Amino acid sequence: VKTALNHGYRHVDTASIYNNEKGVGQGIRQSNIARDEVF
């Protein structure tokens, strides 16, 4: 997620059944991108 956001992505798609929502949230916060810029 961090790599994607720092290379221009602004959209991340997860699901509860993927069992990785916590890590997705961490990646968003660790990126250099503001929350309101990420879909």
Full PDB file with SEQRES, HELIX, SHEET, SSBOND, CRYST1, ORIGX, SCALE, CONECT and MASTER records, all heavy atoms in Angstrom:
SEQRES   1 A   39  VAL LYS THR ALA LEU ASN HIS GLY TYR ARG HIS VAL ASP          
SEQRES   2 A   39  THR ALA SER ILE TYR ASN ASN GLU LYS GLY VAL GLY GLN          
SEQRES   3 A   39  GLY ILE ARG GLN SER ASN ILE ALA ARG ASP GLU VAL PHE          
HELIX    1 AA1 LYS A    2  ASN A    6  1                                   5    
HELIX    2 AA2 SER A   16  TYR A   18  5                                   3    
HELIX    3 AA3 GLU A   21  GLN A   30  1                                  10    
HELIX    4 AA4 ARG A   35  GLU A   37  5                                   3    
CRYST1    1.000    1.000    1.000  90.00  90.00  90.00 P 1           1          
ORIGX1      1.000000  0.000000  0.000000        0.00000                         
ORIGX2      0.000000  1.000000  0.000000        0.00000                         
ORIGX3      0.000000  0.000000  1.000000        0.00000                         
SCALE1      1.000000  0.000000  0.000000        0.00000                         
SCALE2      0.000000  1.000000  0.000000        0.00000                         
SCALE3      0.000000  0.000000  1.000000        0.00000                         
ATOM      1  N   VAL A   1       0.833  -1.205   0.000  1.00  0.00           N  
ATOM      2  CA  VAL A   1       0.000   0.000   0.000  1.00  0.00           C  
ATOM      3  C   VAL A   1       0.866   1.252   0.000  1.00  0.00           C  
ATOM      4  O   VAL A   1       0.630   2.197  -0.770  1.00  0.00           O  
ATOM      5  CB  VAL A   1      -0.951  -0.006   1.217  1.00  0.00           C  
ATOM      6  CG1 VAL A   1      -1.626   1.347   1.395  1.00  0.00           C  
ATOM      7  CG2 VAL A   1      -1.997  -1.098   1.062  1.00  0.00           C  
ATOM      8  N   LYS A   2       1.890   1.250   0.834  1.00  0.00           N  
ATOM      9  CA  LYS A   2       2.785   2.414   0.912  1.00  0.00           C  
ATOM     10  C   LYS A   2       3.492   2.645  -0.417  1.00  0.00           C  
ATOM     11  O   LYS A   2       3.567   3.786  -0.910  1.00  0.00           O  
ATOM     12  CB  LYS A   2       3.796   2.181   2.040  1.00  0.00           C  
ATOM     13  CG  LYS A   2       4.718   3.340   2.313  1.00  0.00           C  
ATOM     14  CD  LYS A   2       5.461   3.140   3.632  1.00  0.00           C  
ATOM     15  CE  LYS A   2       6.212   1.810   3.677  1.00  0.00           C  
ATOM     16  NZ  LYS A   2       7.016   1.657   4.908  1.00  0.00           N  
ATOM     17  N   THR A   3       3.983   1.581  -1.027  1.00  0.00           N  
ATOM     18  CA  THR A   3       4.646   1.697  -2.332  1.00  0.00           C  
ATOM     19  C   THR A   3       3.690   2.261  -3.377  1.00  0.00           C  
ATOM     20  O   THR A   3       4.043   3.166  -4.143  1.00  0.00           O  
ATOM     21  CB  THR A   3       5.160   0.320  -2.795  1.00  0.00           C  
ATOM     22  OG1 THR A   3       6.143  -0.144  -1.882  1.00  0.00           O  
ATOM     23  CG2 THR A   3       5.768   0.400  -4.193  1.00  0.00           C  
ATOM     24  N   ALA A   4       2.478   1.714  -3.404  1.00  0.00           N  
ATOM     25  CA  ALA A   4       1.491   2.163  -4.399  1.00  0.00           C  
ATOM     26  C   ALA A   4       1.175   3.649  -4.223  1.00  0.00           C  
ATOM     27  O   ALA A   4       1.203   4.420  -5.199  1.00  0.00           O  
ATOM     28  CB  ALA A   4       0.228   1.324  -4.279  1.00  0.00           C  
ATOM     29  N   LEU A   5       0.881   4.041  -3.004  1.00  0.00           N  
ATOM     30  CA  LEU A   5       0.503   5.434  -2.768  1.00  0.00           C  
ATOM     31  C   LEU A   5       1.650   6.392  -3.074  1.00  0.00           C  
ATOM     32  O   LEU A   5       1.432   7.486  -3.609  1.00  0.00           O  
ATOM     33  CB  LEU A   5       0.029   5.616  -1.325  1.00  0.00           C  
ATOM     34  CG  LEU A   5      -1.275   4.890  -0.959  1.00  0.00           C  
ATOM     35  CD1 LEU A   5      -1.611   5.118   0.510  1.00  0.00           C  
ATOM     36  CD2 LEU A   5      -2.423   5.340  -1.843  1.00  0.00           C  
ATOM     37  N   ASN A   6       2.855   5.983  -2.769  1.00  0.00           N  
ATOM     38  CA  ASN A   6       4.005   6.847  -3.024  1.00  0.00           C  
ATOM     39  C   ASN A   6       4.423   6.864  -4.492  1.00  0.00           C  
ATOM     40  O   ASN A   6       5.317   7.619  -4.875  1.00  0.00           O  
ATOM     41  CB  ASN A   6       5.179   6.446  -2.131  1.00  0.00           C  
ATOM     42  CG  ASN A   6       4.930   6.795  -0.667  1.00  0.00           C  
ATOM     43  OD1 ASN A   6       4.105   7.648  -0.345  1.00  0.00           O  
ATOM     44  ND2 ASN A   6       5.627   6.117   0.236  1.00  0.00           N  
ATOM     45  N   HIS A   7       3.751   6.030  -5.315  1.00  0.00           N  
ATOM     46  CA  HIS A   7       4.018   6.032  -6.755  1.00  0.00           C  
ATOM     47  C   HIS A   7       2.770   6.405  -7.556  1.00  0.00           C  
ATOM     48  O   HIS A   7       2.628   6.019  -8.709  1.00  0.00           O  
ATOM     49  CB  HIS A   7       4.546   4.663  -7.209  1.00  0.00           C  
ATOM     50  CG  HIS A   7       5.985   4.434  -6.847  1.00  0.00           C  
ATOM     51  ND1 HIS A   7       6.360   3.929  -5.623  1.00  0.00           N  
ATOM     52  CD2 HIS A   7       7.134   4.669  -7.526  1.00  0.00           C  
ATOM     53  CE1 HIS A   7       7.684   3.851  -5.571  1.00  0.00           C  
ATOM     54  NE2 HIS A   7       8.180   4.289  -6.711  1.00  0.00           N  
ATOM     55  N   GLY A   8       1.891   7.168  -6.929  1.00  0.00           N  
ATOM     56  CA  GLY A   8       0.798   7.759  -7.689  1.00  0.00           C  
ATOM     57  C   GLY A   8      -0.578   7.138  -7.523  1.00  0.00           C  
ATOM     58  O   GLY A   8      -1.572   7.715  -7.948  1.00  0.00           O  
ATOM     59  N   TYR A   9      -0.659   5.930  -6.961  1.00  0.00           N  
ATOM     60  CA  TYR A   9      -1.978   5.326  -6.721  1.00  0.00           C  
ATOM     61  C   TYR A   9      -2.740   6.184  -5.699  1.00  0.00           C  
ATOM     62  O   TYR A   9      -2.139   6.741  -4.772  1.00  0.00           O  
ATOM     63  CB  TYR A   9      -1.844   3.925  -6.132  1.00  0.00           C  
ATOM     64  CG  TYR A   9      -1.385   2.831  -7.060  1.00  0.00           C  
ATOM     65  CD1 TYR A   9      -0.099   2.822  -7.601  1.00  0.00           C  
ATOM     66  CD2 TYR A   9      -2.221   1.755  -7.348  1.00  0.00           C  
ATOM     67  CE1 TYR A   9       0.332   1.789  -8.414  1.00  0.00           C  
ATOM     68  CE2 TYR A   9      -1.798   0.702  -8.164  1.00  0.00           C  
ATOM     69  CZ  TYR A   9      -0.527   0.728  -8.698  1.00  0.00           C  
ATOM     70  OH  TYR A   9      -0.092  -0.301  -9.499  1.00  0.00           O  
ATOM     71  N   ARG A  10      -4.063   6.221  -5.857  1.00  0.00           N  
ATOM     72  CA  ARG A  10      -4.898   6.921  -4.872  1.00  0.00           C  
ATOM     73  C   ARG A  10      -6.152   6.110  -4.538  1.00  0.00           C  
ATOM     74  O   ARG A  10      -7.164   6.668  -4.125  1.00  0.00           O  
ATOM     75  CB  ARG A  10      -5.293   8.315  -5.404  1.00  0.00           C  
ATOM     76  CG  ARG A  10      -4.125   9.288  -5.536  1.00  0.00           C  
ATOM     77  CD  ARG A  10      -3.508   9.608  -4.178  1.00  0.00           C  
ATOM     78  NE  ARG A  10      -2.392  10.539  -4.283  1.00  0.00           N  
ATOM     79  CZ  ARG A  10      -1.129  10.186  -4.410  1.00  0.00           C  
ATOM     80  NH1 ARG A  10      -0.793   8.898  -4.473  1.00  0.00           N  
ATOM     81  NH2 ARG A  10      -0.182  11.100  -4.482  1.00  0.00           N  
ATOM     82  N   HIS A  11      -6.084   4.802  -4.703  1.00  0.00           N  
ATOM     83  CA  HIS A  11      -7.256   3.938  -4.547  1.00  0.00           C  
ATOM     84  C   HIS A  11      -6.755   2.586  -4.041  1.00  0.00           C  
ATOM     85  O   HIS A  11      -5.892   1.966  -4.669  1.00  0.00           O  
ATOM     86  CB  HIS A  11      -7.939   3.814  -5.924  1.00  0.00           C  
ATOM     87  CG  HIS A  11      -9.110   2.891  -5.993  1.00  0.00           C  
ATOM     88  ND1 HIS A  11      -9.877   2.788  -7.143  1.00  0.00           N  
ATOM     89  CD2 HIS A  11      -9.663   2.028  -5.115  1.00  0.00           C  
ATOM     90  CE1 HIS A  11     -10.843   1.895  -6.944  1.00  0.00           C  
ATOM     91  NE2 HIS A  11     -10.720   1.417  -5.724  1.00  0.00           N  
ATOM     92  N   VAL A  12      -7.270   2.135  -2.902  1.00  0.00           N  
ATOM     93  CA  VAL A  12      -6.873   0.852  -2.312  1.00  0.00           C  
ATOM     94  C   VAL A  12      -8.139   0.054  -2.005  1.00  0.00           C  
ATOM     95  O   VAL A  12      -9.056   0.558  -1.347  1.00  0.00           O  
ATOM     96  CB  VAL A  12      -6.047   1.036  -1.019  1.00  0.00           C  
ATOM     97  CG1 VAL A  12      -5.636  -0.317  -0.459  1.00  0.00           C  
ATOM     98  CG2 VAL A  12      -4.824   1.907  -1.278  1.00  0.00           C  
ATOM     99  N   ASP A  13      -8.177  -1.200  -2.465  1.00  0.00           N  
ATOM    100  CA  ASP A  13      -9.359  -2.037  -2.314  1.00  0.00           C  
ATOM    101  C   ASP A  13      -9.037  -3.259  -1.456  1.00  0.00           C  
ATOM    102  O   ASP A  13      -8.193  -4.077  -1.809  1.00  0.00           O  
ATOM    103  CB  ASP A  13      -9.837  -2.498  -3.696  1.00  0.00           C  
ATOM    104  CG  ASP A  13     -11.085  -3.365  -3.626  1.00  0.00           C  
ATOM    105  OD1 ASP A  13     -10.974  -4.564  -3.310  1.00  0.00           O  
ATOM    106  OD2 ASP A  13     -12.173  -2.840  -3.916  1.00  0.00           O  
ATOM    107  N   THR A  14      -9.742  -3.366  -0.311  1.00  0.00           N  
ATOM    108  CA  THR A  14      -9.585  -4.512   0.569  1.00  0.00           C  
ATOM    109  C   THR A  14     -10.961  -5.087   0.892  1.00  0.00           C  
ATOM    110  O   THR A  14     -11.960  -4.719   0.285  1.00  0.00           O  
ATOM    111  CB  THR A  14      -8.799  -4.142   1.851  1.00  0.00           C  
ATOM    112  OG1 THR A  14      -8.573  -5.323   2.620  1.00  0.00           O  
ATOM    113  CG2 THR A  14      -9.520  -3.110   2.689  1.00  0.00           C  
ATOM    114  N   ALA A  15     -11.031  -6.000   1.850  1.00  0.00           N  
ATOM    115  CA  ALA A  15     -12.289  -6.613   2.283  1.00  0.00           C  
ATOM    116  C   ALA A  15     -12.050  -7.273   3.627  1.00  0.00           C  
ATOM    117  O   ALA A  15     -10.924  -7.696   3.930  1.00  0.00           O  
ATOM    118  CB  ALA A  15     -12.773  -7.653   1.268  1.00  0.00           C  
ATOM    119  N   SER A  16     -13.103  -7.409   4.412  1.00  0.00           N  
ATOM    120  CA  SER A  16     -12.923  -8.030   5.730  1.00  0.00           C  
ATOM    121  C   SER A  16     -12.408  -9.456   5.607  1.00  0.00           C  
ATOM    122  O   SER A  16     -11.573  -9.896   6.405  1.00  0.00           O  
ATOM    123  CB  SER A  16     -14.239  -8.008   6.508  1.00  0.00           C  
ATOM    124  OG  SER A  16     -15.240  -8.753   5.840  1.00  0.00           O  
ATOM    125  N   ILE A  17     -12.862 -10.192   4.586  1.00  0.00           N  
ATOM    126  CA  ILE A  17     -12.462 -11.592   4.419  1.00  0.00           C  
ATOM    127  C   ILE A  17     -10.991 -11.724   4.026  1.00  0.00           C  
ATOM    128  O   ILE A  17     -10.398 -12.793   4.173  1.00  0.00           O  
ATOM    129  CB  ILE A  17     -13.365 -12.316   3.387  1.00  0.00           C  
ATOM    130  CG1 ILE A  17     -13.235 -13.840   3.477  1.00  0.00           C  
ATOM    131  CG2 ILE A  17     -13.071 -11.809   1.982  1.00  0.00           C  
ATOM    132  CD1 ILE A  17     -13.704 -14.437   4.767  1.00  0.00           C  
ATOM    133  N   TYR A  18     -10.370 -10.651   3.558  1.00  0.00           N  
ATOM    134  CA  TYR A  18      -8.949 -10.711   3.192  1.00  0.00           C  
ATOM    135  C   TYR A  18      -8.054 -10.777   4.434  1.00  0.00           C  
ATOM    136  O   TYR A  18      -6.868 -11.092   4.323  1.00  0.00           O  
ATOM    137  CB  TYR A  18      -8.537  -9.490   2.366  1.00  0.00           C  
ATOM    138  CG  TYR A  18      -9.239  -9.319   1.050  1.00  0.00           C  
ATOM    139  CD1 TYR A  18      -9.066  -8.146   0.302  1.00  0.00           C  
ATOM    140  CD2 TYR A  18     -10.086 -10.300   0.522  1.00  0.00           C  
ATOM    141  CE1 TYR A  18      -9.703  -7.968  -0.906  1.00  0.00           C  
ATOM    142  CE2 TYR A  18     -10.731 -10.114  -0.693  1.00  0.00           C  
ATOM    143  CZ  TYR A  18     -10.542  -8.938  -1.396  1.00  0.00           C  
ATOM    144  OH  TYR A  18     -11.180  -8.742  -2.604  1.00  0.00           O  
ATOM    145  N   ASN A  19      -8.594 -10.397   5.585  1.00  0.00           N  
ATOM    146  CA  ASN A  19      -7.832 -10.424   6.842  1.00  0.00           C  
ATOM    147  C   ASN A  19      -6.559  -9.591   6.791  1.00  0.00           C  
ATOM    148  O   ASN A  19      -5.524  -9.971   7.353  1.00  0.00           O  
ATOM    149  CB  ASN A  19      -7.497 -11.875   7.240  1.00  0.00           C  
ATOM    150  CG  ASN A  19      -8.738 -12.678   7.581  1.00  0.00           C  
ATOM    151  OD1 ASN A  19      -9.610 -12.203   8.300  1.00  0.00           O  
ATOM    152  ND2 ASN A  19      -8.833 -13.885   7.049  1.00  0.00           N  
ATOM    153  N   ASN A  20      -6.635  -8.457   6.088  1.00  0.00           N  
ATOM    154  CA  ASN A  20      -5.452  -7.600   6.029  1.00  0.00           C  
ATOM    155  C   ASN A  20      -5.798  -6.108   6.168  1.00  0.00           C  
ATOM    156  O   ASN A  20      -4.991  -5.243   5.825  1.00  0.00           O  
ATOM    157  CB  ASN A  20      -4.649  -7.852   4.749  1.00  0.00           C  
ATOM    158  CG  ASN A  20      -5.449  -7.613   3.479  1.00  0.00           C  
ATOM    159  OD1 ASN A  20      -6.514  -6.988   3.503  1.00  0.00           O  
ATOM    160  ND2 ASN A  20      -4.936  -8.102   2.352  1.00  0.00           N  
ATOM    161  N   GLU A  21      -6.978  -5.818   6.684  1.00  0.00           N  
ATOM    162  CA  GLU A  21      -7.385  -4.412   6.804  1.00  0.00           C  
ATOM    163  C   GLU A  21      -6.456  -3.625   7.735  1.00  0.00           C  
ATOM    164  O   GLU A  21      -6.149  -2.455   7.473  1.00  0.00           O  
ATOM    165  CB  GLU A  21      -8.833  -4.324   7.305  1.00  0.00           C  
ATOM    166  CG  GLU A  21      -9.854  -4.770   6.268  1.00  0.00           C  
ATOM    167  CD  GLU A  21     -11.263  -4.875   6.829  1.00  0.00           C  
ATOM    168  OE1 GLU A  21     -11.415  -5.372   7.975  1.00  0.00           O  
ATOM    169  OE2 GLU A  21     -12.201  -4.474   6.132  1.00  0.00           O  
ATOM    170  N   LYS A  22      -5.993  -4.267   8.797  1.00  0.00           N  
ATOM    171  CA  LYS A  22      -5.100  -3.561   9.723  1.00  0.00           C  
ATOM    172  C   LYS A  22      -3.824  -3.111   9.010  1.00  0.00           C  
ATOM    173  O   LYS A  22      -3.386  -1.966   9.152  1.00  0.00           O  
ATOM    174  CB  LYS A  22      -4.745  -4.467  10.903  1.00  0.00           C  
ATOM    175  CG  LYS A  22      -3.902  -3.785  11.966  1.00  0.00           C  
ATOM    176  CD  LYS A  22      -3.658  -4.699  13.166  1.00  0.00           C  
ATOM    177  CE  LYS A  22      -2.811  -4.001  14.231  1.00  0.00           C  
ATOM    178  NZ  LYS A  22      -2.560  -4.898  15.395  1.00  0.00           N  
ATOM    179  N   GLY A  23      -3.245  -4.019   8.215  1.00  0.00           N  
ATOM    180  CA  GLY A  23      -2.035  -3.675   7.479  1.00  0.00           C  
ATOM    181  C   GLY A  23      -2.286  -2.617   6.417  1.00  0.00           C  
ATOM    182  O   GLY A  23      -1.422  -1.770   6.152  1.00  0.00           O  
ATOM    183  N   VAL A  24      -3.458  -2.654   5.799  1.00  0.00           N  
ATOM    184  CA  VAL A  24      -3.813  -1.622   4.808  1.00  0.00           C  
ATOM    185  C   VAL A  24      -3.828  -0.256   5.481  1.00  0.00           C  
ATOM    186  O   VAL A  24      -3.266   0.722   4.962  1.00  0.00           O  
ATOM    187  CB  VAL A  24      -5.182  -1.930   4.167  1.00  0.00           C  
ATOM    188  CG1 VAL A  24      -5.689  -0.722   3.374  1.00  0.00           C  
ATOM    189  CG2 VAL A  24      -5.071  -3.143   3.240  1.00  0.00           C  
ATOM    190  N   GLY A  25      -4.457  -0.172   6.639  1.00  0.00           N  
ATOM    191  CA  GLY A  25      -4.491   1.091   7.362  1.00  0.00           C  
ATOM    192  C   GLY A  25      -3.104   1.587   7.736  1.00  0.00           C  
ATOM    193  O   GLY A  25      -2.804   2.783   7.633  1.00  0.00           O  
ATOM    194  N   GLN A  26      -2.258   0.655   8.137  1.00  0.00           N  
ATOM    195  CA  GLN A  26      -0.880   1.027   8.484  1.00  0.00           C  
ATOM    196  C   GLN A  26      -0.148   1.585   7.262  1.00  0.00           C  
ATOM    197  O   GLN A  26       0.576   2.579   7.359  1.00  0.00           O  
ATOM    198  CB  GLN A  26      -0.136  -0.195   9.025  1.00  0.00           C  
ATOM    199  CG  GLN A  26      -0.596  -0.630  10.405  1.00  0.00           C  
ATOM    200  CD  GLN A  26       0.015  -1.945  10.855  1.00  0.00           C  
ATOM    201  OE1 GLN A  26       0.531  -2.706  10.043  1.00  0.00           O  
ATOM    202  NE2 GLN A  26      -0.047  -2.222  12.156  1.00  0.00           N  
ATOM    203  N   GLY A  27      -0.346   0.934   6.115  1.00  0.00           N  
ATOM    204  CA  GLY A  27       0.302   1.396   4.893  1.00  0.00           C  
ATOM    205  C   GLY A  27      -0.136   2.800   4.502  1.00  0.00           C  
ATOM    206  O   GLY A  27       0.678   3.617   4.051  1.00  0.00           O  
ATOM    207  N   ILE A  28      -1.423   3.089   4.679  1.00  0.00           N  
ATOM    208  CA  ILE A  28      -1.928   4.429   4.369  1.00  0.00           C  
ATOM    209  C   ILE A  28      -1.267   5.462   5.271  1.00  0.00           C  
ATOM    210  O   ILE A  28      -0.792   6.505   4.809  1.00  0.00           O  
ATOM    211  CB  ILE A  28      -3.461   4.468   4.514  1.00  0.00           C  
ATOM    212  CG1 ILE A  28      -4.125   3.588   3.444  1.00  0.00           C  
ATOM    213  CG2 ILE A  28      -3.981   5.907   4.418  1.00  0.00           C  
ATOM    214  CD1 ILE A  28      -5.603   3.353   3.654  1.00  0.00           C  
ATOM    215  N   ARG A  29      -1.209   5.151   6.563  1.00  0.00           N  
ATOM    216  CA  ARG A  29      -0.615   6.109   7.508  1.00  0.00           C  
ATOM    217  C   ARG A  29       0.887   6.274   7.298  1.00  0.00           C  
ATOM    218  O   ARG A  29       1.443   7.351   7.531  1.00  0.00           O  
ATOM    219  CB  ARG A  29      -0.908   5.674   8.949  1.00  0.00           C  
ATOM    220  CG  ARG A  29      -2.361   5.873   9.361  1.00  0.00           C  
ATOM    221  CD  ARG A  29      -2.586   5.576  10.833  1.00  0.00           C  
ATOM    222  NE  ARG A  29      -2.318   4.168  11.157  1.00  0.00           N  
ATOM    223  CZ  ARG A  29      -3.194   3.182  10.943  1.00  0.00           C  
ATOM    224  NH1 ARG A  29      -4.359   3.447  10.391  1.00  0.00           N  
ATOM    225  NH2 ARG A  29      -2.901   1.945  11.269  1.00  0.00           N  
ATOM    226  N   GLN A  30       1.555   5.220   6.854  1.00  0.00           N  
ATOM    227  CA  GLN A  30       3.014   5.285   6.667  1.00  0.00           C  
ATOM    228  C   GLN A  30       3.402   5.950   5.338  1.00  0.00           C  
ATOM    229  O   GLN A  30       4.566   6.283   5.135  1.00  0.00           O  
ATOM    230  CB  GLN A  30       3.603   3.877   6.721  1.00  0.00           C  
ATOM    231  CG  GLN A  30       3.556   3.248   8.113  1.00  0.00           C  
ATOM    232  CD  GLN A  30       3.905   1.770   8.099  1.00  0.00           C  
ATOM    233  OE1 GLN A  30       4.211   1.199   7.063  1.00  0.00           O  
ATOM    234  NE2 GLN A  30       3.838   1.138   9.269  1.00  0.00           N  
ATOM    235  N   SER A  31       2.441   6.129   4.467  1.00  0.00           N  
ATOM    236  CA  SER A  31       2.736   6.788   3.185  1.00  0.00           C  
ATOM    237  C   SER A  31       2.858   8.291   3.401  1.00  0.00           C  
ATOM    238  O   SER A  31       2.603   8.811   4.491  1.00  0.00           O  
ATOM    239  CB  SER A  31       1.619   6.501   2.179  1.00  0.00           C  
ATOM    240  OG  SER A  31       0.461   7.264   2.491  1.00  0.00           O  
ATOM    241  N   ASN A  32       3.212   8.984   2.343  1.00  0.00           N  
ATOM    242  CA  ASN A  32       3.326  10.441   2.427  1.00  0.00           C  
ATOM    243  C   ASN A  32       2.052  11.127   1.957  1.00  0.00           C  
ATOM    244  O   ASN A  32       2.055  12.331   1.688  1.00  0.00           O  
ATOM    245  CB  ASN A  32       4.504  10.915   1.562  1.00  0.00           C  
ATOM    246  CG  ASN A  32       5.822  10.327   2.021  1.00  0.00           C  
ATOM    247  OD1 ASN A  32       6.079  10.267   3.219  1.00  0.00           O  
ATOM    248  ND2 ASN A  32       6.659   9.898   1.083  1.00  0.00           N  
ATOM    249  N   ILE A  33       0.963  10.371   1.861  1.00  0.00           N  
ATOM    250  CA  ILE A  33      -0.266  10.887   1.269  1.00  0.00           C  
ATOM    251  C   ILE A  33      -1.320  11.135   2.342  1.00  0.00           C  
ATOM    252  O   ILE A  33      -1.555  10.295   3.209  1.00  0.00           O  
ATOM    253  CB  ILE A  33      -0.816   9.895   0.219  1.00  0.00           C  
ATOM    254  CG1 ILE A  33       0.291   9.484  -0.766  1.00  0.00           C  
ATOM    255  CG2 ILE A  33      -2.002  10.497  -0.518  1.00  0.00           C  
ATOM    256  CD1 ILE A  33       0.967  10.635  -1.487  1.00  0.00           C  
ATOM    257  N   ALA A  34      -1.979  12.280   2.250  1.00  0.00           N  
ATOM    258  CA  ALA A  34      -3.025  12.628   3.211  1.00  0.00           C  
ATOM    259  C   ALA A  34      -4.214  11.685   3.048  1.00  0.00           C  
ATOM    260  O   ALA A  34      -4.544  11.260   1.941  1.00  0.00           O  
ATOM    261  CB  ALA A  34      -3.473  14.069   3.002  1.00  0.00           C  
ATOM    262  N   ARG A  35      -4.887  11.390   4.148  1.00  0.00           N  
ATOM    263  CA  ARG A  35      -6.026  10.464   4.132  1.00  0.00           C  
ATOM    264  C   ARG A  35      -7.091  10.901   3.133  1.00  0.00           C  
ATOM    265  O   ARG A  35      -7.664  10.065   2.421  1.00  0.00           O  
ATOM    266  CB  ARG A  35      -6.632  10.366   5.538  1.00  0.00           C  
ATOM    267  CG  ARG A  35      -8.039   9.737   5.595  1.00  0.00           C  
ATOM    268  CD  ARG A  35      -8.004   8.261   5.194  1.00  0.00           C  
ATOM    269  NE  ARG A  35      -9.341   7.682   5.135  1.00  0.00           N  
ATOM    270  CZ  ARG A  35     -10.027   7.494   4.011  1.00  0.00           C  
ATOM    271  NH1 ARG A  35      -9.518   7.848   2.837  1.00  0.00           N  
ATOM    272  NH2 ARG A  35     -11.230   6.946   4.040  1.00  0.00           N  
ATOM    273  N   ASP A  36      -7.392  12.185   3.047  1.00  0.00           N  
ATOM    274  CA  ASP A  36      -8.485  12.622   2.177  1.00  0.00           C  
ATOM    275  C   ASP A  36      -8.141  12.538   0.695  1.00  0.00           C  
ATOM    276  O   ASP A  36      -8.993  12.794  -0.161  1.00  0.00           O  
ATOM    277  CB  ASP A  36      -8.954  14.031   2.542  1.00  0.00           C  
ATOM    278  CG  ASP A  36      -7.876  15.094   2.397  1.00  0.00           C  
ATOM    279  OD1 ASP A  36      -6.762  14.763   1.943  1.00  0.00           O  
ATOM    280  OD2 ASP A  36      -8.143  16.265   2.749  1.00  0.00           O  
ATOM    281  N   GLU A  37      -6.912  12.152   0.392  1.00  0.00           N  
ATOM    282  CA  GLU A  37      -6.521  11.959  -1.005  1.00  0.00           C  
ATOM    283  C   GLU A  37      -6.556  10.484  -1.412  1.00  0.00           C  
ATOM    284  O   GLU A  37      -6.305  10.152  -2.571  1.00  0.00           O  
ATOM    285  CB  GLU A  37      -5.112  12.511  -1.248  1.00  0.00           C  
ATOM    286  CG  GLU A  37      -5.013  14.018  -1.109  1.00  0.00           C  
ATOM    287  CD  GLU A  37      -3.618  14.531  -1.415  1.00  0.00           C  
ATOM    288  OE1 GLU A  37      -2.912  13.881  -2.215  1.00  0.00           O  
ATOM    289  OE2 GLU A  37      -3.240  15.566  -0.849  1.00  0.00           O  
ATOM    290  N   VAL A  38      -6.855   9.596  -0.454  1.00  0.00           N  
ATOM    291  CA  VAL A  38      -6.847   8.156  -0.721  1.00  0.00           C  
ATOM    292  C   VAL A  38      -8.275   7.616  -0.700  1.00  0.00           C  
ATOM    293  O   VAL A  38      -9.014   7.832   0.273  1.00  0.00           O  
ATOM    294  CB  VAL A  38      -5.985   7.400   0.314  1.00  0.00           C  
ATOM    295  CG1 VAL A  38      -5.895   5.919  -0.063  1.00  0.00           C  
ATOM    296  CG2 VAL A  38      -4.594   8.015   0.407  1.00  0.00           C  
ATOM    297  N   PHE A  39      -8.656   6.913  -1.751  1.00  0.00           N  
ATOM    298  CA  PHE A  39      -9.987   6.313  -1.869  1.00  0.00           C  
ATOM    299  C   PHE A  39      -9.897   4.886  -1.329  1.00  0.00           C  
ATOM    300  O   PHE A  39      -9.292   4.015  -1.938  1.00  0.00           O  
ATOM    301  CB  PHE A  39     -10.405   6.312  -3.346  1.00  0.00           C  
ATOM    302  CG  PHE A  39     -11.847   5.980  -3.590  1.00  0.00           C  
ATOM    303  CD1 PHE A  39     -12.805   6.980  -3.642  1.00  0.00           C  
ATOM    304  CD2 PHE A  39     -12.247   4.666  -3.789  1.00  0.00           C  
ATOM    305  CE1 PHE A  39     -14.150   6.677  -3.887  1.00  0.00           C  
ATOM    306  CE2 PHE A  39     -13.576   4.351  -4.027  1.00  0.00           C  
ATOM    307  CZ  PHE A  39     -14.527   5.362  -4.075  1.00  0.00           C  
TER     308      PHE A  39                                                      
MASTER        0    0    0    4    0    0    0    6  307    1    0    3          
END                                                                             
